[in-house]
Protein backbone atom coordinates (compact mmCIF):
# COMPACT_ATOMS: atom_id res chain seq x y z
CA GLY A 1 106.78 82.60 90.25
CA ALA A 2 110.33 82.90 91.48
CA ALA A 3 109.69 86.01 93.57
CA TRP A 4 106.96 84.23 95.56
CA ARG A 5 108.64 80.84 96.07
CA HIS A 6 109.66 81.73 99.62
CA LEU A 7 106.27 83.14 100.63
CA ASP A 8 105.29 80.11 102.75
CA THR A 9 108.58 80.26 104.67
CA ILE A 10 108.27 83.98 105.33
CA VAL A 11 104.64 83.72 106.43
CA SER A 12 105.52 80.80 108.75
CA ARG A 13 108.21 82.97 110.37
CA TRP A 14 105.68 85.76 110.93
CA PHE A 15 103.31 83.25 112.51
CA ALA A 16 106.05 81.89 114.83
CA ALA A 17 107.10 85.42 115.87
CA LEU A 18 103.61 86.57 116.85
CA ARG A 19 102.01 86.03 120.23
CA PRO A 20 98.59 84.34 120.27
CA GLY A 21 96.02 86.91 119.14
CA GLY A 22 98.68 88.76 117.11
CA VAL A 23 97.78 90.18 113.73
CA VAL A 24 99.66 90.27 110.44
CA LEU A 25 98.70 93.00 107.98
CA LEU A 26 100.25 93.30 104.53
CA ASP A 27 99.53 94.65 101.10
CA VAL A 28 100.77 93.28 97.82
CA ALA A 29 100.63 94.16 94.15
CA THR A 30 98.24 91.88 92.26
CA PRO A 31 97.12 91.57 88.64
CA GLY A 32 95.06 94.51 87.40
CA ARG A 33 97.43 97.33 88.39
CA ILE A 34 97.66 98.58 84.80
CA THR A 35 94.93 97.30 82.48
CA THR A 36 96.32 99.04 79.37
CA PRO A 37 99.85 100.43 78.87
CA ILE A 38 100.27 104.01 80.08
CA GLU A 39 102.78 106.69 79.25
CA ARG A 40 103.14 110.09 80.93
CA PHE A 41 105.46 113.08 80.80
CA VAL A 42 105.34 115.53 83.73
CA THR A 43 107.31 118.74 84.27
CA GLU A 44 107.50 120.80 87.44
CA GLY A 45 109.91 123.65 88.08
CA ASP A 46 113.44 122.39 87.40
CA TRP A 47 112.65 118.73 86.83
CA ALA A 48 110.74 116.44 84.48
CA ILE A 49 109.92 112.74 84.38
CA TRP A 50 108.83 110.41 81.58
CA TYR A 51 107.03 107.30 82.77
CA ARG A 52 105.79 104.18 81.02
CA GLY A 53 103.99 101.30 82.69
CA GLU A 54 102.77 98.03 81.25
CA GLU A 55 101.41 94.83 82.75
CA ASP A 56 102.17 91.47 81.16
CA HIS A 57 99.04 89.48 82.01
CA HIS A 58 100.49 86.16 80.87
CA ALA A 59 103.68 86.53 82.96
CA ARG A 60 101.82 88.22 85.86
CA SER A 61 104.36 91.02 85.91
CA LEU A 62 104.47 94.79 85.75
CA THR A 63 107.27 96.85 84.19
CA ARG A 64 107.69 100.55 84.96
CA GLU A 65 110.27 102.61 83.10
CA MET A 66 111.18 106.13 84.25
CA VAL A 67 113.55 108.74 82.86
CA THR A 68 114.16 111.84 84.97
CA TYR A 69 115.62 115.19 83.99
CA ARG A 70 116.85 117.68 86.60
CA LYS A 71 118.23 121.12 85.87
CA VAL A 72 121.79 121.41 87.15
CA GLY A 73 123.58 124.68 86.41
CA GLY A 74 123.17 125.48 82.73
CA GLY A 75 122.19 121.96 81.70
CA TYR A 76 120.12 118.96 82.66
CA ARG A 77 121.11 115.75 84.43
CA ARG A 78 119.40 112.64 83.12
CA GLY A 79 118.69 109.51 85.13
CA GLY A 80 116.68 106.40 84.48
CA GLU A 81 115.29 103.33 86.19
CA THR A 82 113.34 100.25 85.23
CA HIS A 83 111.28 98.43 87.85
CA ARG A 84 110.04 94.90 87.22
CA LEU A 85 107.45 93.64 89.64
CA GLU A 86 106.06 90.12 89.86
CA LEU A 87 102.37 90.34 90.69
CA ALA A 88 100.97 88.09 93.40
CA SER A 89 97.95 85.87 93.08
CA PRO A 90 95.59 87.01 95.88
CA GLU A 91 94.47 83.41 96.35
CA ARG A 92 98.11 82.31 96.76
CA VAL A 93 98.67 84.87 99.53
CA GLU A 94 95.48 83.76 101.32
CA ARG A 95 96.52 80.09 101.05
CA SER A 96 99.97 80.86 102.51
CA LEU A 97 98.49 82.73 105.46
CA ALA A 98 95.97 79.96 106.16
CA ALA A 99 98.57 77.18 105.75
CA ALA A 100 100.83 78.88 108.31
CA GLY A 101 97.98 78.76 110.83
CA PHE A 102 96.52 82.25 110.61
CA ALA A 103 92.78 82.31 111.24
CA GLU A 104 90.24 84.77 109.92
CA VAL A 105 92.32 85.56 106.82
CA THR A 106 90.52 88.39 105.05
CA ARG A 107 91.06 91.07 102.43
CA LEU A 108 90.43 94.73 103.24
CA PRO A 109 89.40 97.35 100.67
CA ALA A 110 91.30 100.19 102.37
CA TYR A 111 93.63 101.36 105.12
CA GLY A 112 91.07 103.45 106.99
CA ASP A 113 90.03 106.21 104.58
CA PHE A 114 92.81 105.37 102.12
CA GLU A 115 91.23 103.22 99.42
CA LEU A 116 93.59 101.14 97.35
CA PRO A 117 93.61 101.34 93.56
CA ALA A 118 92.93 98.28 91.42
CA GLY A 119 95.63 95.63 91.56
CA TRP A 120 96.62 96.28 95.15
CA GLN A 121 95.28 94.03 97.92
CA ILE A 122 95.43 94.22 101.72
CA PHE A 123 95.46 90.96 103.69
CA VAL A 124 94.88 90.44 107.42
CA GLY A 125 95.40 87.26 109.40
CA THR A 126 95.11 86.62 113.13
CA LYS A 127 97.09 84.05 115.12
CA PRO A 128 94.61 82.02 117.19
CA ARG A 129 94.68 82.48 120.98
């Protein structure tokens, strides 16, 4: 997709910037983040948030809508945001890292004890010595 069209260029720049033996570590959003649409409403003290998330499997994208309410004086202030995220193909990320020259390109299940939820991948590549 459009958001990933410059991936090879970016990864090549990382490779050029690293010394031999250097490591690149990154995580990206991938398909499977939200398997069925979700909607939540949470309140806490003087604020509230409504959230809706949905993944478009055909377009490989994720849309998150949020509306916030914050108590200000005698009323509430409302704000809202919509985030649209293009989801990366894990295989595409691996191919870009390998094509740039990174060796030992692997996926990790976690950052130490922090395990990633579904639809979130960690990639590691090492520049040969």
